[in-house]
Each structure stands twice: as C-alpha cells, then as structure tokens.
C-alpha cells in the first residue's frame, strides 16, 4: 500500500514539479526525490505504526543544512509543544514545533 502511494507521489513530482525534480526512486522503504540543485527530499511512512512519518530535505553538501519533519517519540524532544511532531531546522539539534498534519 505504501509503495503504491510512493508511486503516486513520484508521478506527481515528475509531472507537476518537473522543473525542480530530476528523478525519483523508491528504496529502503522511502521515496527519494532528487532536486535540480542536487539536494534530495526523502519521504517515509511507517509500515508498522499507523500515522508515523518523516520528511527529510538533505542540503548538507550545499550549505551544511537539513530540514526534517517527523513524529517519532524521541524523549529528548518531549518539551516541544507539538510533541511528538517536531521540526529539525538547519541542524539535527535545533528542534521546534511542527504543525504538519
């Protein structure tokens, strides 16, 4: 079921966002979208835990930044108001609220 969702998302990325997406691949349980600036976006949905997700935009080779949204219940982020939903802004340890549905 998740693989069919990834195929749909890959199709959307390759058709509606062809100006910024160079290609897509599904591997290791996630969808990876390659962006024209040589960054990539990973989309992951848990196969075992309904509603568990993570989105990761990897930019380390450009400006040493990452942007990640997720809802893993890491105790270290339990003080975040939207816990377990949280956002890693630029670096792994800079975490704030996330209002993604």
N, C-alpha and C. Protein backbone atom coordinates (compact mmCIF):
# COMPACT_ATOMS: atom_id res chain seq x y z
N UNK A 1 0.81 -1.19 0.00
CA UNK A 1 0.00 0.00 0.00
C UNK A 1 0.87 1.26 0.00
N UNK A 2 1.91 1.27 0.84
CA UNK A 2 2.78 2.44 0.88
C UNK A 2 3.53 2.60 -0.44
N UNK A 3 3.96 1.47 -1.04
CA UNK A 3 4.65 1.56 -2.32
C UNK A 3 3.76 2.18 -3.40
N UNK A 4 2.46 1.86 -3.40
CA UNK A 4 1.56 2.47 -4.38
C UNK A 4 1.41 3.97 -4.11
N UNK A 5 1.42 4.36 -2.84
CA UNK A 5 1.38 5.78 -2.50
C UNK A 5 2.65 6.46 -2.99
N UNK A 6 3.80 5.82 -2.78
CA UNK A 6 5.07 6.38 -3.26
C UNK A 6 5.06 6.54 -4.78
N UNK A 7 4.49 5.57 -5.48
CA UNK A 7 4.41 5.66 -6.95
C UNK A 7 3.56 6.86 -7.37
N UNK A 8 2.46 7.07 -6.67
CA UNK A 8 1.60 8.22 -6.96
C UNK A 8 2.33 9.53 -6.69
N UNK A 9 3.02 9.61 -5.55
CA UNK A 9 3.77 10.82 -5.21
C UNK A 9 4.91 11.06 -6.20
N UNK A 10 5.59 10.00 -6.61
CA UNK A 10 6.67 10.13 -7.59
C UNK A 10 6.12 10.65 -8.92
N UNK A 11 4.97 10.15 -9.32
CA UNK A 11 4.34 10.61 -10.55
C UNK A 11 3.99 12.10 -10.46
N UNK A 12 3.46 12.52 -9.33
CA UNK A 12 3.14 13.94 -9.13
C UNK A 12 4.41 14.77 -9.22
N UNK A 13 5.47 14.33 -8.54
CA UNK A 13 6.72 15.08 -8.54
C UNK A 13 7.29 15.19 -9.95
N UNK A 14 7.26 14.09 -10.70
CA UNK A 14 7.87 14.07 -12.03
C UNK A 14 7.04 14.81 -13.07
N UNK A 15 5.74 14.96 -12.85
CA UNK A 15 4.91 15.66 -13.83
C UNK A 15 4.63 17.10 -13.43
N UNK A 16 4.16 17.31 -12.21
CA UNK A 16 3.78 18.66 -11.79
C UNK A 16 4.96 19.50 -11.31
N UNK A 17 6.05 18.85 -10.94
CA UNK A 17 7.22 19.58 -10.45
C UNK A 17 8.47 19.21 -11.24
N UNK A 18 8.28 18.95 -12.53
CA UNK A 18 9.39 18.54 -13.40
C UNK A 18 10.47 19.61 -13.50
N UNK A 19 10.11 20.86 -13.25
CA UNK A 19 11.10 21.94 -13.33
C UNK A 19 12.07 21.92 -12.15
N UNK A 20 11.74 21.25 -11.06
CA UNK A 20 12.64 21.19 -9.91
C UNK A 20 13.05 19.77 -9.52
N UNK A 21 12.38 18.76 -10.05
CA UNK A 21 12.68 17.37 -9.73
C UNK A 21 13.39 16.71 -10.90
N UNK A 22 14.55 16.10 -10.64
CA UNK A 22 15.28 15.45 -11.72
C UNK A 22 14.90 13.98 -11.87
N UNK A 23 14.66 13.29 -10.76
CA UNK A 23 14.20 11.90 -10.80
C UNK A 23 13.75 11.48 -9.42
N UNK A 24 13.17 10.29 -9.35
CA UNK A 24 12.67 9.74 -8.10
C UNK A 24 13.08 8.29 -8.00
N UNK A 25 13.23 7.82 -6.78
CA UNK A 25 13.45 6.38 -6.59
C UNK A 25 12.82 5.95 -5.27
N UNK A 26 12.37 4.71 -5.27
CA UNK A 26 11.82 4.10 -4.07
C UNK A 26 12.81 3.04 -3.64
N UNK A 27 13.37 3.23 -2.43
CA UNK A 27 14.29 2.23 -1.92
C UNK A 27 14.40 2.36 -0.42
N UNK A 28 14.68 1.24 0.22
CA UNK A 28 14.82 1.18 1.66
C UNK A 28 13.60 1.76 2.38
N UNK A 29 12.40 1.53 1.83
CA UNK A 29 11.17 1.93 2.48
C UNK A 29 10.85 3.40 2.44
N UNK A 30 11.47 4.12 1.51
CA UNK A 30 11.18 5.56 1.41
C UNK A 30 11.21 5.98 -0.05
N UNK A 31 10.59 7.12 -0.30
CA UNK A 31 10.62 7.74 -1.61
C UNK A 31 11.67 8.84 -1.56
N UNK A 32 12.61 8.83 -2.49
CA UNK A 32 13.62 9.88 -2.58
C UNK A 32 13.39 10.67 -3.86
N UNK A 33 13.21 11.98 -3.70
CA UNK A 33 13.06 12.90 -4.82
C UNK A 33 14.35 13.67 -4.98
N UNK A 34 14.96 13.60 -6.14
CA UNK A 34 16.20 14.33 -6.41
C UNK A 34 15.83 15.68 -7.01
N UNK A 35 16.42 16.74 -6.46
CA UNK A 35 16.10 18.11 -6.82
C UNK A 35 17.21 18.67 -7.73
N UNK A 36 16.86 19.61 -8.60
CA UNK A 36 17.82 20.14 -9.57
C UNK A 36 19.06 20.77 -8.94
N UNK A 37 18.98 21.24 -7.72
CA UNK A 37 20.16 21.83 -7.06
C UNK A 37 21.03 20.76 -6.40
N UNK A 38 20.78 19.49 -6.74
CA UNK A 38 21.50 18.31 -6.25
C UNK A 38 21.23 18.01 -4.77
N UNK A 39 20.14 18.56 -4.23
CA UNK A 39 19.67 18.15 -2.91
C UNK A 39 18.65 17.04 -3.12
N UNK A 40 18.16 16.46 -2.04
CA UNK A 40 17.10 15.46 -2.18
C UNK A 40 16.14 15.55 -1.01
N UNK A 41 14.94 15.07 -1.27
CA UNK A 41 13.88 15.02 -0.27
C UNK A 41 13.48 13.57 -0.07
N UNK A 42 13.55 13.08 1.16
CA UNK A 42 13.09 11.73 1.49
C UNK A 42 11.72 11.83 2.14
N UNK A 43 10.84 10.93 1.72
CA UNK A 43 9.50 10.82 2.30
C UNK A 43 9.37 9.40 2.83
N UNK A 44 9.03 9.29 4.12
CA UNK A 44 8.95 7.98 4.75
C UNK A 44 7.66 7.89 5.56
N UNK A 45 6.98 6.77 5.42
CA UNK A 45 5.81 6.46 6.22
C UNK A 45 6.02 5.07 6.81
N UNK A 46 5.74 4.91 8.08
CA UNK A 46 5.93 3.62 8.75
C UNK A 46 4.97 2.58 8.20
N UNK A 47 5.48 1.38 8.01
CA UNK A 47 4.64 0.26 7.60
C UNK A 47 3.97 -0.40 8.81
N UNK A 48 4.56 -0.24 10.01
CA UNK A 48 4.03 -0.88 11.20
C UNK A 48 3.19 0.05 12.07
N UNK A 49 3.56 1.32 12.16
CA UNK A 49 2.89 2.25 13.07
C UNK A 49 2.09 3.27 12.26
N UNK A 50 0.78 3.11 12.27
CA UNK A 50 -0.09 3.99 11.50
C UNK A 50 0.11 5.45 11.92
N UNK A 51 0.28 6.31 10.94
CA UNK A 51 0.43 7.73 11.21
C UNK A 51 1.85 8.19 11.47
N UNK A 52 2.81 7.29 11.55
CA UNK A 52 4.22 7.67 11.79
C UNK A 52 4.83 8.09 10.46
N UNK A 53 5.51 9.23 10.45
CA UNK A 53 6.06 9.77 9.21
C UNK A 53 7.35 10.53 9.46
N UNK A 54 8.09 10.79 8.38
CA UNK A 54 9.24 11.68 8.41
C UNK A 54 9.46 12.21 7.00
N UNK A 55 9.77 13.49 6.92
CA UNK A 55 10.17 14.14 5.67
C UNK A 55 11.53 14.74 5.93
N UNK A 56 12.47 14.50 5.05
CA UNK A 56 13.84 14.95 5.28
C UNK A 56 14.37 15.61 4.00
N UNK A 57 14.78 16.87 4.10
CA UNK A 57 15.38 17.57 2.97
C UNK A 57 16.87 17.71 3.26
N UNK A 58 17.66 17.02 2.50
CA UNK A 58 19.11 16.95 2.69
C UNK A 58 19.82 17.99 1.83
N UNK A 59 20.52 18.94 2.50
CA UNK A 59 21.22 20.02 1.81
C UNK A 59 22.66 20.16 2.31
N UNK A 60 23.16 19.16 3.02
CA UNK A 60 24.48 19.29 3.66
C UNK A 60 25.59 19.65 2.68
N UNK A 61 25.56 19.10 1.48
CA UNK A 61 26.65 19.38 0.53
C UNK A 61 26.59 20.80 -0.03
N UNK A 62 25.44 21.47 0.07
CA UNK A 62 25.32 22.85 -0.41
C UNK A 62 25.66 23.87 0.67
N UNK A 63 24.98 23.75 1.81
CA UNK A 63 25.17 24.76 2.86
C UNK A 63 25.18 24.15 4.25
N UNK A 64 25.42 22.82 4.31
CA UNK A 64 25.53 22.09 5.57
C UNK A 64 24.24 22.14 6.40
N UNK A 65 23.08 22.15 5.72
CA UNK A 65 21.81 22.17 6.44
C UNK A 65 20.96 20.95 6.12
N UNK A 66 20.04 20.68 7.04
CA UNK A 66 18.98 19.69 6.83
C UNK A 66 17.70 20.31 7.35
N UNK A 67 16.60 19.83 6.82
CA UNK A 67 15.28 20.21 7.33
C UNK A 67 14.51 18.91 7.44
N UNK A 68 13.97 18.62 8.63
CA UNK A 68 13.29 17.35 8.82
C UNK A 68 12.05 17.56 9.68
N UNK A 69 10.96 16.97 9.22
CA UNK A 69 9.71 16.98 9.95
C UNK A 69 9.40 15.53 10.30
N UNK A 70 8.98 15.27 11.51
CA UNK A 70 8.66 13.90 11.86
C UNK A 70 7.83 13.85 13.13
N UNK A 71 7.45 12.62 13.47
CA UNK A 71 6.68 12.44 14.70
C UNK A 71 7.15 11.22 15.49
N UNK A 72 8.43 10.91 15.39
CA UNK A 72 8.99 9.86 16.24
C UNK A 72 9.00 10.38 17.68
N UNK A 73 8.67 9.51 18.61
CA UNK A 73 8.54 9.93 20.02
C UNK A 73 9.89 9.90 20.73
N UNK A 74 10.82 10.74 20.28
CA UNK A 74 12.12 10.84 20.93
C UNK A 74 11.95 11.63 22.24
N UNK A 75 12.30 11.01 23.35
CA UNK A 75 12.13 11.66 24.66
C UNK A 75 12.87 12.99 24.75
N UNK A 76 13.96 13.12 24.04
CA UNK A 76 14.74 14.35 24.11
C UNK A 76 13.94 15.56 23.60
N UNK A 77 12.90 15.32 22.77
CA UNK A 77 12.08 16.41 22.23
C UNK A 77 10.73 16.52 22.93
N UNK A 78 10.55 15.86 24.08
CA UNK A 78 9.24 15.86 24.73
C UNK A 78 8.82 17.24 25.24
N UNK A 79 9.75 18.20 25.33
CA UNK A 79 9.39 19.55 25.75
C UNK A 79 8.84 20.40 24.60
N UNK A 80 8.89 19.89 23.38
CA UNK A 80 8.36 20.61 22.22
C UNK A 80 6.83 20.61 22.32
N UNK A 81 6.22 21.75 22.19
CA UNK A 81 4.77 21.92 22.40
C UNK A 81 3.93 20.97 21.55
N UNK A 82 4.37 20.65 20.34
CA UNK A 82 3.59 19.79 19.44
C UNK A 82 4.04 18.32 19.50
N UNK A 83 4.81 17.94 20.52
CA UNK A 83 5.32 16.58 20.67
C UNK A 83 4.21 15.55 20.46
N UNK A 84 4.45 14.50 19.69
CA UNK A 84 5.72 14.07 19.13
C UNK A 84 6.10 14.74 17.80
N UNK A 85 5.20 15.53 17.23
CA UNK A 85 5.51 16.22 15.98
C UNK A 85 6.57 17.28 16.24
N UNK A 86 7.61 17.29 15.40
CA UNK A 86 8.69 18.24 15.60
C UNK A 86 9.39 18.53 14.28
N UNK A 87 10.18 19.59 14.27
CA UNK A 87 10.87 20.07 13.07
C UNK A 87 12.34 20.34 13.40
N UNK A 88 13.23 19.72 12.62
CA UNK A 88 14.66 19.99 12.74
C UNK A 88 14.98 21.10 11.74
N UNK A 89 15.41 22.24 12.25
CA UNK A 89 15.62 23.42 11.42
C UNK A 89 17.11 23.69 11.24
N UNK A 90 17.62 23.36 10.08
CA UNK A 90 19.00 23.59 9.65
C UNK A 90 19.99 22.55 10.19
N UNK A 91 19.88 22.16 11.47
CA UNK A 91 20.76 21.15 12.05
C UNK A 91 19.92 20.18 12.88
N UNK A 92 20.48 18.99 13.13
CA UNK A 92 19.73 17.96 13.85
C UNK A 92 19.27 18.40 15.24
N UNK A 93 20.08 19.17 15.94
CA UNK A 93 19.77 19.52 17.31
C UNK A 93 18.92 20.77 17.49
N UNK A 94 18.61 21.48 16.42
CA UNK A 94 17.76 22.66 16.50
C UNK A 94 16.33 22.25 16.18
N UNK A 95 15.56 21.91 17.21
CA UNK A 95 14.23 21.33 17.04
C UNK A 95 13.18 22.28 17.59
N UNK A 96 12.09 22.39 16.83
CA UNK A 96 10.97 23.26 17.23
C UNK A 96 9.65 22.58 16.91
N UNK A 97 8.57 23.31 17.15
CA UNK A 97 7.22 22.79 16.89
C UNK A 97 7.02 22.52 15.40
N UNK A 98 6.15 21.58 15.11
CA UNK A 98 5.77 21.28 13.74
C UNK A 98 4.25 21.14 13.69
N UNK A 99 3.64 21.87 12.78
CA UNK A 99 2.18 21.83 12.65
C UNK A 99 1.75 21.10 11.39
N UNK A 100 2.62 20.28 10.81
CA UNK A 100 2.21 19.47 9.66
C UNK A 100 1.14 18.48 10.11
N UNK A 101 0.12 18.29 9.27
CA UNK A 101 -0.92 17.32 9.64
C UNK A 101 -0.41 15.90 9.47
